[in-house]
Amino acid sequence: MELHEERVSSETVFEGRIIRVAVDQNRLENGRVASREIVHHPGGVCVLPVDGERNCYLVRQFRAPFEKVLLELPAGKLDRAGEDPLEAGRRELREETGAAAERYYSLGEMYSSPGFCDEVIYLYLATGLDFGESCPDEDEFLAVEKLPLAELVGRVLRGEVPDGKTQLAALKADALLRSGEAVL
């Protein structure tokens, strides 16, 4: 098996401010054609800021799809095609927490929901923090929360942090810091 599908056609059925939804017709390996609903997203970034005492800075924010407040790492979407993810990460960290970092470590990429969405989230660890004023977007309301990294990892492992990008970044950053490959 090649595990490959060939796109036969694609029709945009919705185009919004952030996403575009297409219905594709794909030819399968057995020759049949199947319909695939695809959400196209510009991608995003997620930054785990950790200070010299191993404290993290997260944000609490209301999330409309779940109709509740979630604890998450500072994050946001890429503003334009081709935007450098690290530059977007720097921007989002400053906007949401007021922090700037001396060092950024890539924690890799995450596909948020590959069954129907092409969003790629670029994950970073930020250290050597310096704090100034935050400046969230005009439609963004959030509260910054300081939490020891060990406590965040514990919450993730106990299932108390449902946000996937926060889970992955916390576990990977903890491992990177423990290995000595990243410095505070």
Foldseek 3Di string as FASTA:
>chain_A
DPPDKAWPDKDFPDDDPFWTWIWTWIQDPVRDTDIAIAIEGQAKEFEWEQEQVQKTKWKWFQDVVVRHTATGGQMDGDPDHPPDRVVRVQLSCCQPFQKHAPDKDWLAWDQQDVRHYRYIYTYIYGYRIDGDDHHHDPVTDIDMDIGHLVVQQVCLVVVNHVDPNRNSNSVSVVVCVVVVVDHD
